[in-house]
Amino acid sequence: MMKFNLRLKEPHLKAISDLKEKFLAKSDQEIVNKCIESALNLNKNDLIFSTVKEKCSGGCYASEPQFEIELDENTFMQLKKIYINNNFDDYKTEEERISKVIRCIINFFEDEPKLITVKS
């Protein structure tokens, strides 16, 4: 398992709060993990990481560490590959790069919450 501090901006915290309430998630980490899992299962990177979705809002480098998240190594590697395969702005650390991918995922599901898959 990989642990790191997820770097988010204020709009992402609001989106997480709204999604957490909608899906009755117990924690911010739980809903973020549902979003990541749903994005990877959806396999529609062209939609999730389109130029419009990935553009920075509120300052590209203005994100702050918000909470620790734990991902299995396979998921972490998939997110890393998404970062490499998209033309994202350059970030200095791996934590910032993976956080950027996760912010895009949150942006997508804020607009398309019905596409979040919830395991029963």
Protein backbone atom coordinates (compact mmCIF):
# COMPACT_ATOMS: atom_id res chain seq x y z
CA MET A 1 0.00 0.00 0.00
CA MET A 2 1.14 3.50 -0.82
CA LYS A 3 0.35 6.37 1.56
CA PHE A 4 0.68 10.02 0.68
CA ASN A 5 -0.86 13.39 1.45
CA LEU A 6 -3.49 14.26 -1.12
CA ARG A 7 -3.08 17.84 -2.33
CA LEU A 8 -6.40 19.57 -2.99
CA LYS A 9 -7.84 23.02 -3.51
CA GLU A 10 -10.93 24.45 -1.85
CA PRO A 11 -13.34 23.54 -4.73
CA HIS A 12 -12.23 19.89 -4.49
CA LEU A 13 -12.93 19.81 -0.76
CA LYS A 14 -16.45 21.09 -1.45
CA ALA A 15 -16.97 18.50 -4.21
CA ILE A 16 -15.75 15.73 -1.88
CA SER A 17 -18.12 16.90 0.84
CA ASP A 18 -21.07 16.95 -1.58
CA LEU A 19 -20.24 13.50 -3.01
CA LYS A 20 -19.66 12.08 0.47
CA GLU A 21 -23.13 13.22 1.50
CA LYS A 22 -24.76 11.93 -1.70
CA PHE A 23 -23.18 8.48 -1.42
CA LEU A 24 -23.27 8.26 2.39
CA ALA A 25 -19.51 7.72 2.54
CA LYS A 26 -18.02 7.58 6.01
CA SER A 27 -14.92 9.63 5.20
CA ASP A 28 -13.27 11.86 2.62
CA GLN A 29 -10.80 9.06 1.91
CA GLU A 30 -13.63 6.61 1.22
CA ILE A 31 -15.34 8.82 -1.39
CA VAL A 32 -12.03 9.72 -3.03
CA ASN A 33 -11.20 6.02 -3.32
CA LYS A 34 -14.67 5.34 -4.81
CA CYS A 35 -14.05 8.08 -7.37
CA ILE A 36 -10.61 6.70 -8.27
CA GLU A 37 -11.91 3.14 -8.56
CA SER A 38 -14.89 4.31 -10.63
CA ALA A 39 -12.65 6.31 -12.96
CA LEU A 40 -10.31 3.38 -13.53
CA ASN A 41 -13.24 1.00 -14.12
CA LEU A 42 -14.97 3.46 -16.43
CA ASN A 43 -11.89 3.45 -18.65
CA LYS A 44 -12.88 6.73 -20.34
CA ASN A 45 -9.69 8.72 -19.84
CA ASP A 46 -10.49 10.89 -22.86
CA LEU A 47 -13.57 12.19 -20.99
CA ILE A 48 -12.10 12.40 -17.50
CA PHE A 49 -8.81 13.98 -18.50
CA SER A 50 -9.95 16.11 -21.45
CA THR A 51 -8.26 19.46 -21.93
CA VAL A 52 -11.27 21.22 -20.42
CA LYS A 53 -11.33 19.03 -17.29
CA GLU A 54 -7.60 19.17 -16.62
CA LYS A 55 -7.18 22.93 -16.90
CA CYS A 56 -6.19 24.56 -13.67
CA SER A 57 -8.56 26.71 -11.71
CA GLY A 58 -7.49 28.78 -8.75
CA GLY A 59 -3.79 28.48 -9.47
CA CYS A 60 -2.21 25.29 -10.74
CA TYR A 61 0.22 25.03 -7.87
CA ALA A 62 -2.07 26.35 -5.13
CA SER A 63 -3.14 22.94 -3.82
CA GLU A 64 -2.36 22.08 -0.22
CA PRO A 65 -1.96 18.74 1.55
CA GLN A 66 -5.39 17.96 3.01
CA PHE A 67 -5.42 14.39 4.27
CA GLU A 68 -3.55 11.15 3.93
CA ILE A 69 -4.80 8.67 1.39
CA GLU A 70 -3.83 5.04 0.95
CA LEU A 71 -3.78 3.35 -2.46
CA ASP A 72 -2.70 -0.12 -3.44
CA GLU A 73 0.41 -0.15 -5.60
CA ASN A 74 -1.48 -1.15 -8.78
CA THR A 75 -3.88 1.80 -8.47
CA PHE A 76 -1.00 4.15 -7.72
CA MET A 77 0.84 2.92 -10.85
CA GLN A 78 -2.30 3.35 -12.99
CA LEU A 79 -2.66 6.95 -11.79
CA LYS A 80 1.02 7.55 -12.45
CA LYS A 81 0.59 6.20 -16.00
CA ILE A 82 -2.40 8.52 -16.55
CA TYR A 83 -0.24 11.48 -15.52
CA ILE A 84 2.52 10.44 -17.92
CA ASN A 85 0.10 9.84 -20.82
CA ASN A 86 -1.60 13.24 -20.49
CA ASN A 87 -0.07 16.60 -21.14
CA PHE A 88 -0.37 17.92 -17.59
CA ASP A 89 1.60 20.83 -16.25
CA ASP A 90 4.88 19.83 -14.69
CA TYR A 91 4.86 19.14 -10.97
CA LYS A 92 7.98 18.62 -8.86
CA THR A 93 6.98 15.62 -6.77
CA GLU A 94 5.19 12.35 -7.40
CA GLU A 95 2.71 13.26 -4.66
CA GLU A 96 1.80 16.45 -6.56
CA ARG A 97 1.50 14.55 -9.86
CA ILE A 98 -0.82 11.87 -8.46
CA SER A 99 -2.82 14.55 -6.65
CA LYS A 100 -3.29 16.36 -9.97
CA VAL A 101 -4.75 13.20 -11.53
CA ILE A 102 -7.05 12.72 -8.54
CA ARG A 103 -8.20 16.36 -8.73
CA CYS A 104 -9.20 15.76 -12.37
CA ILE A 105 -11.12 12.66 -11.30
CA ILE A 106 -12.92 14.66 -8.59
CA ASN A 107 -13.76 17.40 -11.13
CA PHE A 108 -15.23 14.80 -13.47
CA PHE A 109 -17.40 13.11 -10.84
CA GLU A 110 -18.56 16.44 -9.48
CA ASP A 111 -20.18 16.91 -12.92
CA GLU A 112 -21.08 13.23 -13.45
CA PRO A 113 -21.89 11.73 -10.02
CA LYS A 114 -24.19 9.11 -11.55
CA LEU A 115 -21.12 7.43 -13.04
CA ILE A 116 -19.65 6.62 -9.63
CA THR A 117 -19.94 2.89 -9.12
CA VAL A 118 -20.83 1.88 -5.59
CA LYS A 119 -20.14 -1.67 -4.51
CA SER A 120 -22.85 -3.09 -2.29
